[in-house]
Amino acid sequence: MVLLLFLATGCVSSRVEQSREAVTGITASEAMVILGRASYNDHQTEESFTDCLSNILMKGATPIRLIPEQEFKDNLFPWFEPRTAPTSADELGRLFSQPGVQERINEANVRYLTWIDGDTVTVDKGGSMSCTISTFGGGCLGMSYWEQDASYEASIWDLDNLTTAGQISADANGTSYLAGLIVPIPILARPGNAACKGLAKQLRSFVIGG
């Protein structure tokens, strides 16, 4: 049982780095919103990743109050419509300069906006697996693998003064295997999950401040 549990989780290496540009802090009445890059094509941050961050940050000994992404976008209609929505952290400055945006943000009492950019991609794969079925039974033989790289960056904006407070990057790499000896056994690495946990931990510390 212990061996199977080890095989199921695989092995992942990860790294988290931070760059701070301003002093931060958040009160119980203030909130944060997390927005994932949405370019409306294949190169957009997965919703599952921003959901993972939200689930972690809203729990624990020091939970952070979060405004749902869709609610925030609805409150700032029409600036987040597909044709006009920012597609990068740099474009947020252009959005914040629009008349009426600051007033909408103040109404929601949102202190920080965290823009998530990145994705998880398969960088290598190989091996072979063959399975057979006959009247006497069946089984699989062989092994295949796939290596994934999860790379994400969070840009944190202080909406009190509409300036960037800093950036946090999280990178994780892992190789998963599917080994076949009669019954296929997955040996799964989850670099996206590791990047989420590392980024969420650092983001919580960053926003709460010292």
Protein backbone atom coordinates (compact mmCIF):
# COMPACT_ATOMS: atom_id res chain seq x y z
CA MET A 1 0.00 0.00 0.00
CA VAL A 2 2.83 2.42 0.87
CA LEU A 3 4.58 1.61 -2.43
CA LEU A 4 1.42 2.19 -4.45
CA LEU A 5 0.85 5.53 -2.71
CA PHE A 6 4.37 6.62 -3.56
CA LEU A 7 3.94 5.60 -7.18
CA ALA A 8 0.62 7.44 -7.43
CA THR A 9 2.12 10.75 -6.34
CA GLY A 10 5.32 10.78 -8.39
CA CYS A 11 8.05 13.38 -7.89
CA VAL A 12 7.99 17.12 -8.61
CA SER A 13 10.66 19.82 -8.27
CA SER A 14 9.46 23.37 -7.71
CA ARG A 15 10.77 26.90 -7.13
CA VAL A 16 9.04 30.10 -5.95
CA GLU A 17 10.58 33.59 -6.24
CA GLN A 18 9.32 36.98 -5.12
CA SER A 19 10.01 40.61 -6.06
CA ARG A 20 8.50 43.27 -3.79
CA GLU A 21 8.02 46.89 -4.83
CA ALA A 22 5.85 48.25 -2.00
CA VAL A 23 4.78 47.66 1.59
CA THR A 24 1.55 45.63 1.77
CA GLY A 25 -1.17 44.77 4.27
CA ILE A 26 -4.86 43.95 4.22
CA THR A 27 -7.68 44.38 6.75
CA ALA A 28 -10.60 42.04 7.41
CA SER A 29 -12.98 44.38 5.56
CA GLU A 30 -10.82 44.55 2.44
CA ALA A 31 -10.75 41.96 -0.31
CA MET A 32 -8.62 40.67 -3.14
CA VAL A 33 -9.59 39.47 -6.59
CA ILE A 34 -7.65 36.91 -8.65
CA LEU A 35 -7.81 37.23 -12.44
CA GLY A 36 -6.35 34.68 -14.84
CA ARG A 37 -4.97 35.77 -18.20
CA ALA A 38 -7.76 35.32 -20.74
CA SER A 39 -6.70 35.78 -24.35
CA TYR A 40 -9.63 33.68 -25.60
CA ASN A 41 -7.39 31.12 -27.31
CA ASP A 42 -5.19 28.24 -26.28
CA HIS A 43 -2.76 30.57 -24.48
CA GLN A 44 -4.80 31.41 -21.40
CA THR A 45 -4.36 30.54 -17.75
CA GLU A 46 -6.41 27.53 -16.75
CA GLU A 47 -9.48 28.30 -14.63
CA SER A 48 -8.62 25.25 -12.53
CA PHE A 49 -5.37 26.96 -11.47
CA THR A 50 -7.03 30.19 -10.29
CA ASP A 51 -9.71 28.10 -8.55
CA CYS A 52 -6.93 26.19 -6.76
CA LEU A 53 -5.37 29.45 -5.56
CA SER A 54 -8.73 30.77 -4.37
CA ASN A 55 -9.58 27.60 -2.44
CA ILE A 56 -6.28 27.73 -0.55
CA LEU A 57 -6.30 31.48 0.20
CA MET A 58 -9.86 31.48 1.57
CA LYS A 59 -8.97 28.82 4.14
CA GLY A 60 -6.36 28.37 6.86
CA ALA A 61 -5.46 30.34 9.97
CA THR A 62 -5.23 33.63 8.05
CA PRO A 63 -7.94 33.49 5.34
CA ILE A 64 -8.16 36.27 2.77
CA ARG A 65 -11.56 37.51 1.61
CA LEU A 66 -11.80 37.06 -2.15
CA ILE A 67 -14.19 38.63 -4.64
CA PRO A 68 -15.22 36.08 -7.32
CA GLU A 69 -13.60 36.81 -10.67
CA GLN A 70 -16.89 36.96 -12.59
CA GLU A 71 -18.47 39.26 -10.00
CA PHE A 72 -15.53 41.66 -10.29
CA LYS A 73 -15.76 41.65 -14.08
CA ASP A 74 -19.52 42.25 -13.95
CA ASN A 75 -18.99 45.21 -11.61
CA LEU A 76 -16.53 46.71 -14.08
CA PHE A 77 -18.71 46.24 -17.16
CA PRO A 78 -17.90 46.93 -20.00
CA TRP A 79 -14.13 47.09 -19.42
CA PHE A 80 -13.76 43.31 -19.16
CA GLU A 81 -15.76 42.39 -22.23
CA PRO A 82 -13.79 40.01 -24.55
CA ARG A 83 -13.01 42.72 -27.12
CA THR A 84 -11.72 45.27 -24.60
CA ALA A 85 -10.44 43.20 -21.64
CA PRO A 86 -6.72 43.49 -20.77
CA THR A 87 -4.65 40.52 -21.91
CA SER A 88 -1.55 41.21 -19.80
CA ALA A 89 -0.57 42.76 -16.48
CA ASP A 90 0.90 45.75 -18.31
CA GLU A 91 -2.47 46.55 -19.87
CA LEU A 92 -4.08 46.92 -16.44
CA GLY A 93 -2.52 50.38 -16.16
CA ARG A 94 -4.44 51.43 -19.26
CA LEU A 95 -7.64 50.05 -17.79
CA PHE A 96 -7.19 51.84 -14.45
CA SER A 97 -6.79 55.18 -16.22
CA GLN A 98 -10.31 54.97 -17.66
CA PRO A 99 -12.86 57.36 -16.09
CA GLY A 100 -15.13 55.64 -13.59
CA VAL A 101 -12.96 52.56 -12.97
CA GLN A 102 -11.58 53.75 -9.63
CA GLU A 103 -15.09 54.47 -8.34
CA ARG A 104 -16.29 50.96 -9.23
CA ILE A 105 -13.28 49.42 -7.47
CA ASN A 106 -13.87 51.51 -4.33
CA GLU A 107 -17.49 50.38 -4.19
CA ALA A 108 -16.40 46.74 -4.03
CA ASN A 109 -13.72 47.55 -1.41
CA VAL A 110 -11.13 45.55 -3.36
CA ARG A 111 -7.63 46.30 -2.07
CA TYR A 112 -5.54 44.01 -4.27
CA LEU A 113 -5.85 42.60 -7.76
CA THR A 114 -3.67 39.60 -8.53
CA TRP A 115 -3.14 38.91 -12.22
CA ILE A 116 -2.11 35.32 -12.97
CA ASP A 117 -0.20 34.60 -16.16
CA GLY A 118 1.09 31.17 -17.18
CA ASP A 119 0.12 27.60 -17.93
CA THR A 120 1.14 23.95 -17.66
CA VAL A 121 2.56 22.39 -20.82
CA THR A 122 3.91 18.99 -21.84
CA VAL A 123 7.55 19.46 -22.83
CA ASP A 124 8.51 15.84 -23.57
CA LYS A 125 6.97 12.41 -23.91
CA GLY A 126 7.96 8.97 -25.09
CA GLY A 127 8.02 5.25 -24.42
CA SER A 128 5.52 2.65 -25.59
CA MET A 129 2.67 0.65 -24.16
CA SER A 130 0.88 -2.35 -25.70
CA CYS A 131 -2.26 -4.02 -24.40
CA THR A 132 -3.91 -7.26 -25.55
CA ILE A 133 -7.23 -8.94 -24.89
CA SER A 134 -7.96 -12.59 -25.62
CA THR A 135 -10.30 -15.36 -24.52
CA PHE A 136 -7.71 -16.30 -21.90
CA GLY A 137 -7.50 -12.80 -20.44
CA GLY A 138 -5.52 -9.69 -21.22
CA GLY A 139 -2.89 -7.33 -19.99
CA CYS A 140 -0.53 -4.49 -20.79
CA LEU A 141 3.24 -4.39 -21.11
CA GLY A 142 5.61 -1.47 -21.49
CA MET A 143 6.06 2.03 -20.14
CA SER A 144 5.32 5.53 -21.38
CA TYR A 145 6.18 8.88 -19.84
CA TRP A 146 5.38 12.55 -20.21
CA GLU A 147 7.18 15.51 -18.67
CA GLN A 148 5.24 18.64 -17.76
CA ASP A 149 6.39 22.12 -16.86
CA ALA A 150 4.14 24.47 -14.85
CA SER A 151 5.20 28.11 -14.95
CA TYR A 152 3.07 30.91 -13.47
CA GLU A 153 3.58 34.54 -12.46
CA ALA A 154 1.38 36.61 -10.18
CA SER A 155 1.44 40.40 -10.55
CA ILE A 156 -0.06 42.07 -7.49
CA TRP A 157 -1.67 45.50 -7.90
CA ASP A 158 -2.51 47.76 -4.95
CA LEU A 159 -5.83 49.27 -5.99
CA ASP A 160 -5.64 51.99 -3.34
CA ASN A 161 -3.07 53.80 -5.47
CA LEU A 162 -3.32 51.77 -8.70
CA THR A 163 0.34 50.73 -8.70
CA THR A 164 2.11 47.37 -8.75
CA ALA A 165 3.14 46.03 -5.35
CA GLY A 166 5.30 43.21 -6.69
CA GLN A 167 5.49 39.90 -8.53
CA ILE A 168 5.68 36.25 -7.50
CA SER A 169 6.74 33.46 -9.85
CA ALA A 170 6.24 29.74 -9.33
CA ASP A 171 7.79 27.03 -11.49
CA ALA A 172 7.38 23.27 -11.11
CA ASN A 173 8.52 20.36 -13.24
CA GLY A 174 7.55 16.70 -13.03
CA THR A 175 7.56 13.51 -15.05
CA SER A 176 4.64 11.08 -15.00
CA TYR A 177 4.78 7.43 -16.02
CA LEU A 178 2.35 4.76 -17.07
CA ALA A 179 3.89 1.38 -16.37
CA GLY A 180 2.21 -1.73 -17.70
CA LEU A 181 2.71 -5.15 -16.15
CA ILE A 182 -0.64 -6.88 -16.70
CA VAL A 183 -2.47 -3.90 -15.11
CA PRO A 184 -1.37 -0.35 -16.09
CA ILE A 185 -0.07 1.56 -13.06
CA PRO A 186 0.00 5.37 -13.25
CA ILE A 187 2.91 7.14 -11.57
CA LEU A 188 1.61 10.70 -11.64
CA ALA A 189 3.45 13.94 -11.05
CA ARG A 190 1.30 17.04 -10.61
CA PRO A 191 3.50 20.09 -11.26
CA GLY A 192 0.47 22.36 -11.69
CA ASN A 193 -0.75 21.47 -8.21
CA ALA A 194 2.72 22.00 -6.74
CA ALA A 195 2.99 25.42 -8.42
CA CYS A 196 -0.45 26.36 -7.07
CA LYS A 197 0.42 25.46 -3.48
CA GLY A 198 3.76 27.24 -3.60
CA LEU A 199 2.32 30.37 -5.19
CA ALA A 200 -0.67 30.48 -2.82
CA LYS A 201 1.56 30.23 0.27
CA GLN A 202 3.83 33.03 -0.93
CA LEU A 203 0.91 35.18 -2.11
CA ARG A 204 -0.82 34.97 1.28
CA SER A 205 2.39 36.06 3.05
CA PHE A 206 2.95 38.84 0.50
CA VAL A 207 -0.52 40.36 0.80
CA ILE A 208 -0.77 40.14 4.59
CA GLY A 209 2.61 41.85 4.93
CA GLY A 210 5.00 41.95 7.83
